[in-house]
Amino acid sequence: MRNRNKPERRSAQDGNLRGSEAVERAKELLSALTGRECEAVSSLTRNGNGWRVRVEVVELERIPKSTDILASYEVELDGDGELKNYDRVARYYRNVASTVEP
């Protein structure tokens, strides 16, 4: 019998990876691949059966911190949380504001 107070949790085994699970999985995989810790998640998009997660990573720490070099990676996962693709899509200084496109 299902507990009505707790929402039913789905898992990667049933091919219905939740957004929050996709974020954690993408961060875990990207850290393993790059050897760097993820600093922030800047976007999450449903992509067919899977997810596309954009993650920000410090690639080079500098003094002062405002001159750190960061990179933005897109990680694509299938519905089971398996890695389909990852790509570094941008590299920038922490203190440089990005342009906002309409």
Protein backbone atom coordinates (compact mmCIF):
# COMPACT_ATOMS: atom_id res chain seq x y z
CA MET A 1 0.00 0.00 0.00
CA ARG A 2 1.30 3.44 -0.96
CA ASN A 3 1.85 6.05 1.74
CA ARG A 4 -0.36 9.04 0.86
CA ASN A 5 1.86 11.49 2.74
CA LYS A 6 4.91 10.84 0.59
CA PRO A 7 5.02 11.37 -3.16
CA GLU A 8 5.83 8.26 -5.15
CA ARG A 9 9.46 8.34 -6.24
CA ARG A 10 10.46 7.13 -9.64
CA SER A 11 13.92 5.87 -10.38
CA ALA A 12 16.27 5.61 -13.32
CA GLN A 13 15.49 1.89 -13.53
CA ASP A 14 12.00 2.58 -14.90
CA GLY A 15 13.26 5.05 -17.54
CA ASN A 16 11.49 8.02 -15.97
CA LEU A 17 14.38 10.02 -14.57
CA ARG A 18 13.11 13.07 -12.66
CA GLY A 19 14.62 16.50 -13.25
CA SER A 20 16.24 16.66 -9.81
CA GLU A 21 17.75 13.20 -10.35
CA ALA A 22 19.03 14.28 -13.78
CA VAL A 23 20.78 17.27 -12.22
CA GLU A 24 22.53 15.13 -9.60
CA ARG A 25 23.50 12.50 -12.17
CA ALA A 26 24.85 15.14 -14.61
CA LYS A 27 26.95 16.73 -11.85
CA GLU A 28 28.29 13.33 -10.80
CA LEU A 29 29.23 12.32 -14.36
CA LEU A 30 30.76 15.69 -15.26
CA SER A 31 32.89 15.71 -12.10
CA ALA A 32 34.14 12.21 -12.94
CA LEU A 33 34.96 13.20 -16.52
CA THR A 34 36.62 16.56 -15.85
CA GLY A 35 38.07 15.99 -12.39
CA ARG A 36 36.49 19.27 -11.27
CA GLU A 37 33.56 19.96 -8.98
CA CYS A 38 30.44 21.54 -10.36
CA GLU A 39 29.74 25.01 -9.06
CA ALA A 40 26.22 25.64 -10.33
CA VAL A 41 23.48 24.36 -12.60
CA SER A 42 22.30 27.07 -14.96
CA SER A 43 19.62 25.20 -16.91
CA LEU A 44 17.63 22.00 -17.11
CA THR A 45 15.67 21.05 -20.22
CA ARG A 46 13.57 18.00 -21.01
CA ASN A 47 14.99 16.51 -24.20
CA GLY A 48 12.64 13.85 -25.58
CA ASN A 49 13.03 10.90 -23.21
CA GLY A 50 16.04 12.41 -21.44
CA TRP A 51 17.46 15.65 -20.12
CA ARG A 52 19.93 18.36 -21.09
CA VAL A 53 21.65 19.95 -18.09
CA ARG A 54 23.94 22.99 -18.30
CA VAL A 55 26.54 22.99 -15.53
CA GLU A 56 29.08 25.67 -14.56
CA VAL A 57 32.57 24.52 -13.53
CA VAL A 58 35.62 26.44 -12.28
CA GLU A 59 38.39 25.43 -14.66
CA LEU A 60 41.13 27.68 -13.29
CA GLU A 61 41.15 29.27 -9.85
CA ARG A 62 42.89 32.62 -9.67
CA ILE A 63 43.46 35.43 -7.20
CA PRO A 64 41.30 37.43 -6.94
CA LYS A 65 38.38 35.00 -7.37
CA SER A 66 36.68 37.44 -9.72
CA THR A 67 39.27 36.46 -12.35
CA ASP A 68 38.60 32.69 -12.10
CA ILE A 69 38.05 31.01 -15.45
CA LEU A 70 34.75 29.13 -15.61
CA ALA A 71 33.29 26.85 -18.23
CA SER A 72 29.74 25.98 -19.09
CA TYR A 73 29.08 22.35 -20.03
CA GLU A 74 25.98 20.78 -21.53
CA VAL A 75 25.38 17.23 -20.37
CA GLU A 76 22.78 15.08 -22.15
CA LEU A 77 21.29 12.10 -20.35
CA ASP A 78 18.85 9.49 -21.59
CA GLY A 79 15.72 8.54 -19.62
CA ASP A 80 17.74 6.04 -17.57
CA GLY A 81 20.36 8.60 -16.51
CA GLU A 82 23.03 7.27 -18.84
CA LEU A 83 25.37 9.75 -20.48
CA LYS A 84 24.58 10.42 -24.14
CA ASN A 85 26.82 13.42 -24.72
CA TYR A 86 28.69 16.20 -23.00
CA ASP A 87 30.26 19.30 -24.47
CA ARG A 88 31.97 22.45 -23.21
CA VAL A 89 29.89 25.21 -24.77
CA ALA A 90 31.47 28.32 -23.24
CA ARG A 91 34.48 29.53 -21.30
CA TYR A 92 34.58 32.86 -19.50
CA TYR A 93 36.00 34.94 -16.65
CA ARG A 94 33.85 35.00 -13.52
CA ASN A 95 33.78 38.82 -13.50
CA VAL A 96 32.47 39.18 -17.07
CA ALA A 97 28.71 39.47 -17.37
CA SER A 98 27.20 37.57 -20.27
CA THR A 99 24.99 39.22 -22.82
CA VAL A 100 21.32 38.45 -22.56
CA GLU A 101 19.69 37.51 -25.83
CA PRO A 102 15.95 38.01 -26.35
